[in-house]
C-alpha cells in the first residue's frame, strides 16, 4: 500500500504479465477511487488513460511507467474512507483485465 499526501505526484509502473498467448494491448485506464464504508459508496476522483499498441508476449513481464497527480483537495484516508487505483487493460481482441491497488492519503 502506497502512502501519499494530497497534491503529490504518485509515480510507479503497471506490471503486466503475459498469458498463454501474445496479445496487443490497446489501452490502460486507471481510476483513483474512494470507498466510503459508512454508506458503501464508491466514487471516481480522477482518471488517466494511456493509449498504446504494445504487444504483450506470452509469459513475458512488462513494466509501463505512469504518474498520477493526487488532487490538492483530496480528503485524508480514515477508517471509513479509503482510496484505491482501479486499473483496466483493454486488448485488441476485446479481452479486458482488471486490478486494484490500495493507496493511503495522509496529512503533511
N, C-alpha and C. Protein backbone atom coordinates (compact mmCIF):
# COMPACT_ATOMS: atom_id res chain seq x y z
N UNK A 1 0.85 -1.18 0.00
CA UNK A 1 0.00 0.00 0.00
C UNK A 1 0.89 1.24 0.00
N UNK A 2 0.65 2.13 -0.93
CA UNK A 2 1.35 3.40 -1.01
C UNK A 2 0.77 4.38 0.01
N UNK A 3 1.63 5.23 0.58
CA UNK A 3 1.16 6.30 1.46
C UNK A 3 1.62 7.61 0.85
N UNK A 4 0.68 8.49 0.57
CA UNK A 4 0.97 9.75 -0.10
C UNK A 4 0.18 10.89 0.52
N UNK A 5 0.51 12.11 0.09
CA UNK A 5 -0.17 13.31 0.56
C UNK A 5 -0.94 13.93 -0.61
N UNK A 6 -2.03 14.63 -0.30
CA UNK A 6 -2.79 15.28 -1.37
C UNK A 6 -1.86 16.27 -2.09
N UNK A 7 -2.05 16.40 -3.40
CA UNK A 7 -1.23 17.28 -4.21
C UNK A 7 0.08 16.66 -4.68
N UNK A 8 0.45 15.48 -4.18
CA UNK A 8 1.68 14.81 -4.61
C UNK A 8 1.47 14.08 -5.93
N UNK A 9 2.58 13.85 -6.62
CA UNK A 9 2.55 13.02 -7.81
C UNK A 9 2.96 11.61 -7.40
N UNK A 10 2.10 10.64 -7.70
CA UNK A 10 2.40 9.24 -7.45
C UNK A 10 3.04 8.71 -8.73
N UNK A 11 4.24 8.14 -8.59
CA UNK A 11 4.93 7.56 -9.74
C UNK A 11 5.09 6.08 -9.51
N UNK A 12 4.95 5.33 -10.58
CA UNK A 12 5.10 3.90 -10.47
C UNK A 12 5.06 3.27 -11.85
N UNK A 13 4.67 2.02 -11.88
CA UNK A 13 4.54 1.34 -13.16
C UNK A 13 3.43 0.30 -13.07
N UNK A 14 2.87 0.03 -14.22
CA UNK A 14 1.93 -1.07 -14.35
C UNK A 14 2.77 -2.29 -14.66
N UNK A 15 2.62 -3.34 -13.89
CA UNK A 15 3.33 -4.59 -14.12
C UNK A 15 2.37 -5.54 -14.84
N UNK A 16 2.67 -5.81 -16.09
CA UNK A 16 1.76 -6.60 -16.93
C UNK A 16 2.46 -7.91 -17.29
N UNK A 17 1.86 -9.01 -16.87
CA UNK A 17 2.42 -10.33 -17.15
C UNK A 17 1.64 -10.98 -18.28
N UNK A 18 2.36 -11.44 -19.28
CA UNK A 18 1.74 -12.08 -20.42
C UNK A 18 1.11 -13.41 -20.04
N UNK A 19 0.07 -13.77 -20.75
CA UNK A 19 -0.64 -15.04 -20.51
C UNK A 19 -0.11 -16.15 -21.39
N UNK A 20 -1.00 -16.97 -21.86
CA UNK A 20 -0.60 -18.14 -22.65
C UNK A 20 -0.34 -17.81 -24.12
N UNK A 21 -0.91 -16.68 -24.60
CA UNK A 21 -0.66 -16.26 -25.99
C UNK A 21 -0.28 -14.79 -25.99
N UNK A 22 0.38 -14.35 -27.06
CA UNK A 22 0.71 -12.93 -27.22
C UNK A 22 -0.56 -12.15 -27.54
N UNK A 23 -0.65 -10.93 -26.99
CA UNK A 23 -1.82 -10.08 -27.25
C UNK A 23 -1.37 -8.64 -27.43
N UNK A 24 -2.15 -7.88 -28.20
CA UNK A 24 -1.85 -6.46 -28.39
C UNK A 24 -2.66 -5.64 -27.39
N UNK A 25 -1.93 -4.90 -26.53
CA UNK A 25 -2.56 -4.01 -25.56
C UNK A 25 -2.93 -2.72 -26.27
N UNK A 26 -4.19 -2.29 -26.13
CA UNK A 26 -4.67 -1.06 -26.79
C UNK A 26 -4.72 0.12 -25.84
N UNK A 27 -5.07 -0.15 -24.58
CA UNK A 27 -5.36 0.97 -23.69
C UNK A 27 -5.24 0.53 -22.23
N UNK A 28 -4.76 1.46 -21.40
CA UNK A 28 -4.75 1.27 -19.95
C UNK A 28 -5.55 2.42 -19.34
N UNK A 29 -6.58 2.09 -18.59
CA UNK A 29 -7.38 3.09 -17.87
C UNK A 29 -7.15 2.88 -16.38
N UNK A 30 -6.86 3.97 -15.68
CA UNK A 30 -6.62 3.87 -14.24
C UNK A 30 -7.43 4.96 -13.54
N UNK A 31 -8.32 4.53 -12.65
CA UNK A 31 -9.17 5.45 -11.88
C UNK A 31 -8.69 5.50 -10.44
N UNK A 32 -8.62 6.71 -9.88
CA UNK A 32 -8.44 6.87 -8.44
C UNK A 32 -9.84 6.89 -7.85
N UNK A 33 -10.14 5.94 -6.97
CA UNK A 33 -11.49 5.73 -6.47
C UNK A 33 -11.50 5.83 -4.95
N UNK A 34 -12.54 6.49 -4.40
CA UNK A 34 -12.75 6.46 -2.96
C UNK A 34 -13.83 5.44 -2.65
N UNK A 35 -13.71 4.85 -1.47
CA UNK A 35 -14.76 3.96 -1.00
C UNK A 35 -15.12 4.39 0.41
N UNK A 36 -16.40 4.73 0.60
CA UNK A 36 -16.91 5.15 1.90
C UNK A 36 -17.58 3.94 2.55
N UNK A 37 -16.99 3.44 3.63
CA UNK A 37 -17.52 2.25 4.30
C UNK A 37 -18.84 2.52 5.02
N UNK A 38 -19.11 3.77 5.36
CA UNK A 38 -20.33 4.12 6.07
C UNK A 38 -21.56 3.83 5.22
N UNK A 39 -21.55 4.30 3.98
CA UNK A 39 -22.71 4.07 3.11
C UNK A 39 -22.39 3.13 1.94
N UNK A 40 -21.19 2.53 1.97
CA UNK A 40 -20.73 1.60 0.94
C UNK A 40 -20.81 2.19 -0.46
N UNK A 41 -20.43 3.47 -0.54
CA UNK A 41 -20.47 4.18 -1.83
C UNK A 41 -19.06 4.33 -2.38
N UNK A 42 -18.94 4.07 -3.67
CA UNK A 42 -17.68 4.22 -4.36
C UNK A 42 -17.79 5.40 -5.32
N UNK A 43 -16.71 6.20 -5.43
CA UNK A 43 -16.75 7.38 -6.28
C UNK A 43 -15.41 7.55 -6.98
N UNK A 44 -15.44 7.83 -8.28
CA UNK A 44 -14.21 8.09 -9.03
C UNK A 44 -13.78 9.53 -8.77
N UNK A 45 -12.54 9.70 -8.32
CA UNK A 45 -11.99 11.03 -8.03
C UNK A 45 -11.33 11.61 -9.27
N UNK A 46 -10.55 10.79 -9.97
CA UNK A 46 -9.84 11.23 -11.17
C UNK A 46 -9.44 10.00 -11.98
N UNK A 47 -9.10 10.20 -13.25
CA UNK A 47 -8.75 9.09 -14.13
C UNK A 47 -7.61 9.48 -15.06
N UNK A 48 -6.85 8.47 -15.47
CA UNK A 48 -5.88 8.65 -16.54
C UNK A 48 -6.07 7.51 -17.54
N UNK A 49 -5.73 7.78 -18.79
CA UNK A 49 -5.76 6.75 -19.83
C UNK A 49 -4.45 6.81 -20.59
N UNK A 50 -3.94 5.64 -20.93
CA UNK A 50 -2.73 5.53 -21.74
C UNK A 50 -3.10 4.71 -22.97
N UNK A 51 -2.97 5.33 -24.14
CA UNK A 51 -3.21 4.63 -25.40
C UNK A 51 -1.90 4.02 -25.86
N UNK A 52 -1.94 2.79 -26.36
CA UNK A 52 -0.71 2.11 -26.75
C UNK A 52 -1.03 1.06 -27.82
N UNK A 53 -0.01 0.54 -28.44
CA UNK A 53 -0.14 -0.59 -29.35
C UNK A 53 0.93 -1.63 -28.99
N UNK A 54 1.20 -1.77 -27.71
CA UNK A 54 2.27 -2.66 -27.23
C UNK A 54 1.83 -4.12 -27.32
N UNK A 55 2.72 -4.94 -27.85
CA UNK A 55 2.47 -6.38 -27.89
C UNK A 55 2.96 -6.98 -26.57
N UNK A 56 2.08 -7.67 -25.88
CA UNK A 56 2.43 -8.35 -24.64
C UNK A 56 2.68 -9.82 -25.01
N UNK A 57 3.95 -10.20 -24.99
CA UNK A 57 4.33 -11.56 -25.37
C UNK A 57 3.87 -12.55 -24.30
N UNK A 58 3.56 -13.76 -24.70
CA UNK A 58 3.14 -14.78 -23.74
C UNK A 58 4.25 -15.01 -22.72
N UNK A 59 3.86 -15.10 -21.46
CA UNK A 59 4.75 -15.36 -20.33
C UNK A 59 5.75 -14.24 -20.05
N UNK A 60 5.75 -13.15 -20.81
CA UNK A 60 6.70 -12.05 -20.58
C UNK A 60 6.19 -11.12 -19.48
N UNK A 61 7.11 -10.39 -18.86
CA UNK A 61 6.77 -9.40 -17.84
C UNK A 61 7.10 -8.02 -18.41
N UNK A 62 6.12 -7.12 -18.39
CA UNK A 62 6.28 -5.78 -18.96
C UNK A 62 6.02 -4.74 -17.88
N UNK A 63 6.83 -3.68 -17.88
CA UNK A 63 6.61 -2.56 -16.97
C UNK A 63 6.31 -1.33 -17.82
N UNK A 64 5.16 -0.72 -17.56
CA UNK A 64 4.78 0.51 -18.26
C UNK A 64 4.68 1.61 -17.22
N UNK A 65 5.54 2.65 -17.30
CA UNK A 65 5.55 3.69 -16.27
C UNK A 65 4.29 4.56 -16.32
N UNK A 66 3.94 5.11 -15.15
CA UNK A 66 2.84 6.06 -15.07
C UNK A 66 3.10 7.05 -13.95
N UNK A 67 2.42 8.17 -14.02
CA UNK A 67 2.40 9.13 -12.91
C UNK A 67 0.97 9.63 -12.78
N UNK A 68 0.59 9.92 -11.55
CA UNK A 68 -0.79 10.31 -11.24
C UNK A 68 -0.73 11.42 -10.21
N UNK A 69 -1.28 12.59 -10.54
CA UNK A 69 -1.30 13.73 -9.62
C UNK A 69 -2.51 13.60 -8.70
N UNK A 70 -2.24 13.46 -7.40
CA UNK A 70 -3.35 13.40 -6.45
C UNK A 70 -3.94 14.80 -6.30
N UNK A 71 -5.25 14.92 -6.27
CA UNK A 71 -5.88 16.24 -6.15
C UNK A 71 -5.47 16.94 -4.85
N UNK A 72 -5.31 18.27 -4.93
CA UNK A 72 -4.97 19.06 -3.74
C UNK A 72 -6.05 18.99 -2.68
N UNK A 73 -7.29 18.81 -3.10
CA UNK A 73 -8.41 18.81 -2.16
C UNK A 73 -8.83 17.39 -1.74
N UNK A 74 -7.97 16.40 -1.98
CA UNK A 74 -8.31 15.02 -1.61
C UNK A 74 -8.43 14.91 -0.10
N UNK A 75 -9.50 14.28 0.34
CA UNK A 75 -9.70 14.06 1.78
C UNK A 75 -8.72 13.01 2.28
N UNK A 76 -8.39 13.07 3.55
CA UNK A 76 -7.46 12.13 4.15
C UNK A 76 -8.10 10.76 4.27
N UNK A 77 -7.29 9.72 4.17
CA UNK A 77 -7.77 8.36 4.41
C UNK A 77 -8.13 8.20 5.88
N UNK A 78 -9.20 7.50 6.14
CA UNK A 78 -9.65 7.25 7.52
C UNK A 78 -10.10 5.80 7.62
N UNK A 79 -10.63 5.44 8.80
CA UNK A 79 -11.17 4.09 8.96
C UNK A 79 -12.39 3.86 8.07
N UNK A 80 -13.10 4.94 7.72
CA UNK A 80 -14.31 4.79 6.90
C UNK A 80 -14.12 5.24 5.45
N UNK A 81 -13.02 5.95 5.14
CA UNK A 81 -12.78 6.43 3.78
C UNK A 81 -11.44 5.88 3.28
N UNK A 82 -11.49 5.10 2.21
CA UNK A 82 -10.26 4.54 1.66
C UNK A 82 -10.15 4.88 0.18
N UNK A 83 -8.93 4.76 -0.33
CA UNK A 83 -8.63 5.03 -1.74
C UNK A 83 -8.02 3.80 -2.38
N UNK A 84 -8.23 3.68 -3.68
CA UNK A 84 -7.54 2.64 -4.45
C UNK A 84 -7.46 3.07 -5.90
N UNK A 85 -6.46 2.55 -6.56
CA UNK A 85 -6.36 2.68 -8.01
C UNK A 85 -7.02 1.46 -8.62
N UNK A 86 -7.99 1.67 -9.49
CA UNK A 86 -8.63 0.58 -10.23
C UNK A 86 -8.13 0.68 -11.67
N UNK A 87 -7.51 -0.39 -12.14
CA UNK A 87 -6.87 -0.39 -13.45
C UNK A 87 -7.53 -1.41 -14.37
N UNK A 88 -7.79 -0.97 -15.60
CA UNK A 88 -8.36 -1.83 -16.62
C UNK A 88 -7.42 -1.86 -17.83
N UNK A 89 -7.13 -3.04 -18.31
CA UNK A 89 -6.34 -3.21 -19.52
C UNK A 89 -7.28 -3.66 -20.63
N UNK A 90 -7.23 -2.98 -21.77
CA UNK A 90 -8.06 -3.36 -22.92
C UNK A 90 -7.15 -3.86 -24.03
N UNK A 91 -7.44 -5.06 -24.52
CA UNK A 91 -6.64 -5.68 -25.57
C UNK A 91 -7.39 -5.65 -26.90
N UNK A 92 -6.67 -5.77 -27.99
CA UNK A 92 -7.25 -5.69 -29.33
C UNK A 92 -8.36 -6.72 -29.55
N UNK A 93 -8.21 -7.91 -28.99
CA UNK A 93 -9.22 -8.95 -29.19
C UNK A 93 -10.45 -8.73 -28.31
N UNK A 94 -10.54 -7.61 -27.61
CA UNK A 94 -11.71 -7.32 -26.79
C UNK A 94 -11.63 -7.86 -25.38
N UNK A 95 -10.53 -8.53 -25.04
CA UNK A 95 -10.33 -9.04 -23.68
C UNK A 95 -10.02 -7.87 -22.76
N UNK A 96 -10.53 -7.93 -21.54
CA UNK A 96 -10.27 -6.88 -20.55
C UNK A 96 -9.75 -7.52 -19.28
N UNK A 97 -8.78 -6.87 -18.66
CA UNK A 97 -8.21 -7.36 -17.41
C UNK A 97 -8.35 -6.26 -16.36
N UNK A 98 -8.70 -6.63 -15.13
CA UNK A 98 -8.94 -5.67 -14.06
C UNK A 98 -8.02 -5.93 -12.87
N UNK A 99 -7.63 -4.85 -12.17
CA UNK A 99 -6.83 -4.97 -10.96
C UNK A 99 -7.10 -3.74 -10.11
N UNK A 100 -6.81 -3.84 -8.81
CA UNK A 100 -6.91 -2.67 -7.94
C UNK A 100 -5.84 -2.71 -6.87
N UNK A 101 -5.35 -1.52 -6.51
CA UNK A 101 -4.29 -1.38 -5.52
C UNK A 101 -4.64 -0.25 -4.57
N UNK A 102 -4.51 -0.53 -3.27
CA UNK A 102 -4.85 0.46 -2.24
C UNK A 102 -3.78 1.54 -2.16
N UNK A 103 -4.20 2.73 -1.76
CA UNK A 103 -3.31 3.86 -1.51
C UNK A 103 -3.89 4.63 -0.33
N UNK A 104 -3.03 5.16 0.53
CA UNK A 104 -3.48 5.97 1.67
C UNK A 104 -3.06 7.41 1.46
N UNK A 105 -3.93 8.33 1.78
CA UNK A 105 -3.61 9.76 1.72
C UNK A 105 -3.55 10.25 3.16
N UNK A 106 -2.38 10.83 3.52
CA UNK A 106 -2.17 11.28 4.90
C UNK A 106 -1.93 12.78 4.92
N UNK A 107 -1.89 13.33 6.12
CA UNK A 107 -1.67 14.74 6.33
C UNK A 107 -0.17 15.04 6.27
N UNK A 108 0.19 16.27 5.91
CA UNK A 108 1.60 16.69 5.91
C UNK A 108 2.20 16.61 7.29
